[in-house]
Amino acid sequence: MGNESALLLIIFIGLFLFFGLPIVLLIVGLIKRKTNPKLSKKLLIAAVVYLIISLGFCGSLTLF
């Protein structure tokens, strides 16, 4: 039972790193859109770039 829960925790951490951080950046970027458009634009671009990199290169590394 201990190994299964540890593996599940690793999977959840990986999914958070792949999807959670870009979603957080997206939400913060959309919230800041009215007050600070320059910061919002940078956050949205960072979210997209992070998602592309994490699902592309880093995602392919986790398959092996």
PDB file of N, CA and C in Angstrom:
ATOM      1  N   MET A   1       0.822  -1.195   0.000  1.00  0.00           N
ATOM      2  CA  MET A   1       0.000   0.000   0.000  1.00  0.00           C
ATOM      3  C   MET A   1       0.868   1.263   0.000  1.00  0.00           C
ATOM      4  N   GLY A   2       2.044   1.211   0.592  1.00  0.00           N
ATOM      5  CA  GLY A   2       2.905   2.382   0.669  1.00  0.00           C
ATOM      6  C   GLY A   2       3.458   2.787  -0.675  1.00  0.00           C
ATOM      7  N   ASN A   3       3.848   1.793  -1.499  1.00  0.00           N
ATOM      8  CA  ASN A   3       4.412   2.101  -2.812  1.00  0.00           C
ATOM      9  C   ASN A   3       3.365   2.678  -3.751  1.00  0.00           C
ATOM     10  N   GLU A   4       2.133   2.196  -3.637  1.00  0.00           N
ATOM     11  CA  GLU A   4       1.080   2.693  -4.514  1.00  0.00           C
ATOM     12  C   GLU A   4       0.746   4.149  -4.216  1.00  0.00           C
ATOM     13  N   SER A   5       0.726   4.502  -2.949  1.00  0.00           N
ATOM     14  CA  SER A   5       0.418   5.888  -2.597  1.00  0.00           C
ATOM     15  C   SER A   5       1.567   6.824  -2.972  1.00  0.00           C
ATOM     16  N   ALA A   6       2.790   6.340  -2.876  1.00  0.00           N
ATOM     17  CA  ALA A   6       3.930   7.163  -3.275  1.00  0.00           C
ATOM     18  C   ALA A   6       3.920   7.397  -4.780  1.00  0.00           C
ATOM     19  N   LEU A   7       3.575   6.371  -5.536  1.00  0.00           N
ATOM     20  CA  LEU A   7       3.496   6.514  -6.986  1.00  0.00           C
ATOM     21  C   LEU A   7       2.375   7.471  -7.374  1.00  0.00           C
ATOM     22  N   LEU A   8       1.258   7.377  -6.695  1.00  0.00           N
ATOM     23  CA  LEU A   8       0.138   8.278  -6.959  1.00  0.00           C
ATOM     24  C   LEU A   8       0.515   9.727  -6.648  1.00  0.00           C
ATOM     25  N   LEU A   9       1.262   9.929  -5.569  1.00  0.00           N
ATOM     26  CA  LEU A   9       1.720  11.272  -5.218  1.00  0.00           C
ATOM     27  C   LEU A   9       2.654  11.830  -6.285  1.00  0.00           C
ATOM     28  N   ILE A  10       3.539  11.017  -6.804  1.00  0.00           N
ATOM     29  CA  ILE A  10       4.452  11.451  -7.859  1.00  0.00           C
ATOM     30  C   ILE A  10       3.673  11.817  -9.116  1.00  0.00           C
ATOM     31  N   ILE A  11       2.648  11.039  -9.436  1.00  0.00           N
ATOM     32  CA  ILE A  11       1.829  11.337 -10.614  1.00  0.00           C
ATOM     33  C   ILE A  11       1.099  12.662 -10.436  1.00  0.00           C
ATOM     34  N   PHE A  12       0.539  12.901  -9.246  1.00  0.00           N
ATOM     35  CA  PHE A  12      -0.166  14.162  -9.007  1.00  0.00           C
ATOM     36  C   PHE A  12       0.777  15.353  -9.045  1.00  0.00           C
ATOM     37  N   ILE A  13       1.976  15.203  -8.524  1.00  0.00           N
ATOM     38  CA  ILE A  13       2.954  16.291  -8.577  1.00  0.00           C
ATOM     39  C   ILE A  13       3.333  16.587 -10.033  1.00  0.00           C
ATOM     40  N   GLY A  14       3.530  15.539 -10.823  1.00  0.00           N
ATOM     41  CA  GLY A  14       3.839  15.735 -12.239  1.00  0.00           C
ATOM     42  C   GLY A  14       2.720  16.422 -12.984  1.00  0.00           C
ATOM     43  N   LEU A  15       1.487  16.013 -12.724  1.00  0.00           N
ATOM     44  CA  LEU A  15       0.353  16.654 -13.383  1.00  0.00           C
ATOM     45  C   LEU A  15       0.208  18.109 -12.962  1.00  0.00           C
ATOM     46  N   PHE A  16       0.494  18.398 -11.690  1.00  0.00           N
ATOM     47  CA  PHE A  16       0.437  19.792 -11.256  1.00  0.00           C
ATOM     48  C   PHE A  16       1.505  20.616 -11.949  1.00  0.00           C
ATOM     49  N   LEU A  17       2.699  20.068 -12.094  1.00  0.00           N
ATOM     50  CA  LEU A  17       3.752  20.823 -12.767  1.00  0.00           C
ATOM     51  C   LEU A  17       3.447  21.017 -14.248  1.00  0.00           C
ATOM     52  N   PHE A  18       2.812  20.025 -14.876  1.00  0.00           N
ATOM     53  CA  PHE A  18       2.498  20.152 -16.296  1.00  0.00           C
ATOM     54  C   PHE A  18       1.318  21.074 -16.544  1.00  0.00           C
ATOM     55  N   PHE A  19       0.268  20.979 -15.719  1.00  0.00           N
ATOM     56  CA  PHE A  19      -0.961  21.720 -15.981  1.00  0.00           C
ATOM     57  C   PHE A  19      -1.270  22.789 -14.937  1.00  0.00           C
ATOM     58  N   GLY A  20      -0.889  22.575 -13.695  1.00  0.00           N
ATOM     59  CA  GLY A  20      -1.279  23.472 -12.615  1.00  0.00           C
ATOM     60  C   GLY A  20      -0.648  24.846 -12.703  1.00  0.00           C
ATOM     61  N   LEU A  21       0.645  24.888 -12.907  1.00  0.00           N
ATOM     62  CA  LEU A  21       1.333  26.178 -12.963  1.00  0.00           C
ATOM     63  C   LEU A  21       0.891  27.033 -14.154  1.00  0.00           C
ATOM     64  N   PRO A  22       0.731  26.467 -15.356  1.00  0.00           N
ATOM     65  CA  PRO A  22       0.206  27.312 -16.440  1.00  0.00           C
ATOM     66  C   PRO A  22      -1.217  27.803 -16.179  1.00  0.00           C
ATOM     67  N   ILE A  23      -2.037  26.978 -15.517  1.00  0.00           N
ATOM     68  CA  ILE A  23      -3.400  27.415 -15.204  1.00  0.00           C
ATOM     69  C   ILE A  23      -3.369  28.553 -14.190  1.00  0.00           C
ATOM     70  N   VAL A  24      -2.482  28.458 -13.199  1.00  0.00           N
ATOM     71  CA  VAL A  24      -2.349  29.537 -12.212  1.00  0.00           C
ATOM     72  C   VAL A  24      -1.880  30.817 -12.890  1.00  0.00           C
ATOM     73  N   LEU A  25      -0.890  30.710 -13.775  1.00  0.00           N
ATOM     74  CA  LEU A  25      -0.413  31.888 -14.506  1.00  0.00           C
ATOM     75  C   LEU A  25      -1.516  32.475 -15.383  1.00  0.00           C
ATOM     76  N   LEU A  26      -2.317  31.619 -15.998  1.00  0.00           N
ATOM     77  CA  LEU A  26      -3.423  32.090 -16.823  1.00  0.00           C
ATOM     78  C   LEU A  26      -4.454  32.837 -15.994  1.00  0.00           C
ATOM     79  N   ILE A  27      -4.811  32.304 -14.858  1.00  0.00           N
ATOM     80  CA  ILE A  27      -5.802  32.955 -13.997  1.00  0.00           C
ATOM     81  C   ILE A  27      -5.294  34.303 -13.503  1.00  0.00           C
ATOM     82  N   VAL A  28      -4.041  34.339 -13.049  1.00  0.00           N
ATOM     83  CA  VAL A  28      -3.476  35.607 -12.563  1.00  0.00           C
ATOM     84  C   VAL A  28      -3.380  36.613 -13.702  1.00  0.00           C
ATOM     85  N   GLY A  29      -3.000  36.158 -14.885  1.00  0.00           N
ATOM     86  CA  GLY A  29      -2.922  37.048 -16.033  1.00  0.00           C
ATOM     87  C   GLY A  29      -4.270  37.631 -16.418  1.00  0.00           C
ATOM     88  N   LEU A  30      -5.317  36.808 -16.338  1.00  0.00           N
ATOM     89  CA  LEU A  30      -6.653  37.308 -16.672  1.00  0.00           C
ATOM     90  C   LEU A  30      -7.184  38.254 -15.601  1.00  0.00           C
ATOM     91  N   ILE A  31      -6.822  38.012 -14.347  1.00  0.00           N
ATOM     92  CA  ILE A  31      -7.256  38.910 -13.268  1.00  0.00           C
ATOM     93  C   ILE A  31      -6.565  40.272 -13.390  1.00  0.00           C
ATOM     94  N   LYS A  32      -5.292  40.263 -13.723  1.00  0.00           N
ATOM     95  CA  LYS A  32      -4.514  41.502 -13.827  1.00  0.00           C
ATOM     96  C   LYS A  32      -4.739  42.248 -15.142  1.00  0.00           C
ATOM     97  N   ARG A  33      -5.561  41.723 -16.005  1.00  0.00           N
ATOM     98  CA  ARG A  33      -5.734  42.299 -17.335  1.00  0.00           C
ATOM     99  C   ARG A  33      -6.231  43.741 -17.310  1.00  0.00           C
ATOM    100  N   LYS A  34      -7.150  44.051 -16.409  1.00  0.00           N
ATOM    101  CA  LYS A  34      -7.713  45.414 -16.345  1.00  0.00           C
ATOM    102  C   LYS A  34      -6.738  46.399 -15.713  1.00  0.00           C
ATOM    103  N   THR A  35      -6.059  45.980 -14.636  1.00  0.00           N
ATOM    104  CA  THR A  35      -5.235  46.927 -13.889  1.00  0.00           C
ATOM    105  C   THR A  35      -3.848  47.115 -14.488  1.00  0.00           C
ATOM    106  N   ASN A  36      -3.253  46.040 -14.997  1.00  0.00           N
ATOM    107  CA  ASN A  36      -1.888  46.134 -15.502  1.00  0.00           C
ATOM    108  C   ASN A  36      -1.765  45.299 -16.783  1.00  0.00           C
ATOM    109  N   PRO A  37      -2.085  45.876 -17.934  1.00  0.00           N
ATOM    110  CA  PRO A  37      -2.103  45.084 -19.168  1.00  0.00           C
ATOM    111  C   PRO A  37      -0.732  44.558 -19.603  1.00  0.00           C
ATOM    112  N   LYS A  38       0.340  45.284 -19.301  1.00  0.00           N
ATOM    113  CA  LYS A  38       1.669  44.810 -19.692  1.00  0.00           C
ATOM    114  C   LYS A  38       2.051  43.549 -18.918  1.00  0.00           C
ATOM    115  N   LEU A  39       1.817  43.578 -17.608  1.00  0.00           N
ATOM    116  CA  LEU A  39       2.103  42.399 -16.782  1.00  0.00           C
ATOM    117  C   LEU A  39       1.215  41.235 -17.197  1.00  0.00           C
ATOM    118  N   SER A  40      -0.017  41.523 -17.499  1.00  0.00           N
ATOM    119  CA  SER A  40      -0.961  40.492 -17.922  1.00  0.00           C
ATOM    120  C   SER A  40      -0.481  39.805 -19.201  1.00  0.00           C
ATOM    121  N   LYS A  41      -0.022  40.590 -20.143  1.00  0.00           N
ATOM    122  CA  LYS A  41       0.460  40.040 -21.407  1.00  0.00           C
ATOM    123  C   LYS A  41       1.668  39.136 -21.182  1.00  0.00           C
ATOM    124  N   LYS A  42       2.575  39.562 -20.304  1.00  0.00           N
ATOM    125  CA  LYS A  42       3.761  38.753 -20.005  1.00  0.00           C
ATOM    126  C   LYS A  42       3.377  37.451 -19.312  1.00  0.00           C
ATOM    127  N   LEU A  43       2.423  37.516 -18.387  1.00  0.00           N
ATOM    128  CA  LEU A  43       1.990  36.309 -17.681  1.00  0.00           C
ATOM    129  C   LEU A  43       1.298  35.331 -18.625  1.00  0.00           C
ATOM    130  N   LEU A  44       0.482  35.842 -19.530  1.00  0.00           N
ATOM    131  CA  LEU A  44      -0.205  34.964 -20.475  1.00  0.00           C
ATOM    132  C   LEU A  44       0.776  34.303 -21.441  1.00  0.00           C
ATOM    133  N   ILE A  45       1.764  35.061 -21.886  1.00  0.00           N
ATOM    134  CA  ILE A  45       2.787  34.490 -22.762  1.00  0.00           C
ATOM    135  C   ILE A  45       3.597  33.440 -22.004  1.00  0.00           C
ATOM    136  N   ALA A  46       3.947  33.722 -20.759  1.00  0.00           N
ATOM    137  CA  ALA A  46       4.697  32.754 -19.948  1.00  0.00           C
ATOM    138  C   ALA A  46       3.883  31.484 -19.730  1.00  0.00           C
ATOM    139  N   ALA A  47       2.587  31.617 -19.549  1.00  0.00           N
ATOM    140  CA  ALA A  47       1.733  30.448 -19.352  1.00  0.00           C
ATOM    141  C   ALA A  47       1.727  29.560 -20.594  1.00  0.00           C
ATOM    142  N   VAL A  48       1.606  30.174 -21.755  1.00  0.00           N
ATOM    143  CA  VAL A  48       1.570  29.400 -23.003  1.00  0.00           C
ATOM    144  C   VAL A  48       2.919  28.739 -23.263  1.00  0.00           C
ATOM    145  N   VAL A  49       3.996  29.476 -23.081  1.00  0.00           N
ATOM    146  CA  VAL A  49       5.330  28.919 -23.310  1.00  0.00           C
ATOM    147  C   VAL A  49       5.607  27.786 -22.324  1.00  0.00           C
ATOM    148  N   TYR A  50       5.245  27.972 -21.059  1.00  0.00           N
ATOM    149  CA  TYR A  50       5.455  26.929 -20.057  1.00  0.00           C
ATOM    150  C   TYR A  50       4.666  25.676 -20.406  1.00  0.00           C
ATOM    151  N   LEU A  51       3.437  25.845 -20.852  1.00  0.00           N
ATOM    152  CA  LEU A  51       2.610  24.701 -21.214  1.00  0.00           C
ATOM    153  C   LEU A  51       3.187  23.965 -22.415  1.00  0.00           C
ATOM    154  N   ILE A  52       3.641  24.693 -23.417  1.00  0.00           N
ATOM    155  CA  ILE A  52       4.212  24.060 -24.608  1.00  0.00           C
ATOM    156  C   ILE A  52       5.481  23.289 -24.254  1.00  0.00           C
ATOM    157  N   ILE A  53       6.339  23.881 -23.445  1.00  0.00           N
ATOM    158  CA  ILE A  53       7.584  23.217 -23.079  1.00  0.00           C
ATOM    159  C   ILE A  53       7.325  22.015 -22.180  1.00  0.00           C
ATOM    160  N   SER A  54       6.430  22.176 -21.205  1.00  0.00           N
ATOM    161  CA  SER A  54       6.202  21.074 -20.264  1.00  0.00           C
ATOM    162  C   SER A  54       5.511  19.895 -20.932  1.00  0.00           C
ATOM    163  N   LEU A  55       4.650  20.142 -21.882  1.00  0.00           N
ATOM    164  CA  LEU A  55       3.981  19.030 -22.566  1.00  0.00           C
ATOM    165  C   LEU A  55       4.816  18.491 -23.722  1.00  0.00           C
ATOM    166  N   GLY A  56       5.686  19.297 -24.255  1.00  0.00           N
ATOM    167  CA  GLY A  56       6.497  18.854 -25.383  1.00  0.00           C
ATOM    168  C   GLY A  56       7.715  18.086 -24.951  1.00  0.00           C
ATOM    169  N   PHE A  57       8.762  18.794 -24.605  1.00  0.00           N
ATOM    170  CA  PHE A  57      10.041  18.152 -24.303  1.00  0.00           C
ATOM    171  C   PHE A  57       9.995  17.410 -22.971  1.00  0.00           C
ATOM    172  N   CYS A  58       9.551  18.078 -21.927  1.00  0.00           N
ATOM    173  CA  CYS A  58       9.548  17.447 -20.595  1.00  0.00           C
ATOM    174  C   CYS A  58       8.507  16.323 -20.526  1.00  0.00           C
ATOM    175  N   GLY A  59       7.411  16.480 -21.240  1.00  0.00           N
ATOM    176  CA  GLY A  59       6.406  15.423 -21.242  1.00  0.00           C
ATOM    177  C   GLY A  59       6.910  14.184 -21.948  1.00  0.00           C
ATOM    178  N   SER A  60       7.709  14.379 -22.999  1.00  0.00           N
ATOM    179  CA  SER A  60       8.260  13.218 -23.700  1.00  0.00           C
ATOM    180  C   SER A  60       9.329  12.525 -22.861  1.00  0.00           C
ATOM    181  N   LEU A  61      10.015  13.266 -22.021  1.00  0.00           N
ATOM    182  CA  LEU A  61      11.023  12.640 -21.159  1.00  0.00           C
ATOM    183  C   LEU A  61      10.377  11.777 -20.079  1.00  0.00           C
ATOM    184  N   THR A  62       9.189  12.131 -19.629  1.00  0.00           N
ATOM    185  CA  THR A  62       8.542  11.356 -18.575  1.00  0.00           C
ATOM    186  C   THR A  62       8.004  10.037 -19.103  1.00  0.00           C
ATOM    187  N   LEU A  63       7.865   9.895 -20.400  1.00  0.00           N
ATOM    188  CA  LEU A  63       7.371   8.634 -20.956  1.00  0.00           C
ATOM    189  C   LEU A  63       8.429   7.541 -20.927  1.00  0.00           C
ATOM    190  N   PHE A  64       9.684   7.922 -20.834  1.00  0.00           N
ATOM    191  CA  PHE A  64      10.763   6.931 -20.857  1.00  0.00           C
ATOM    192  C   PHE A  64      11.346   6.696 -19.521  1.00  0.00           C
TER     193      PHE A  64
END
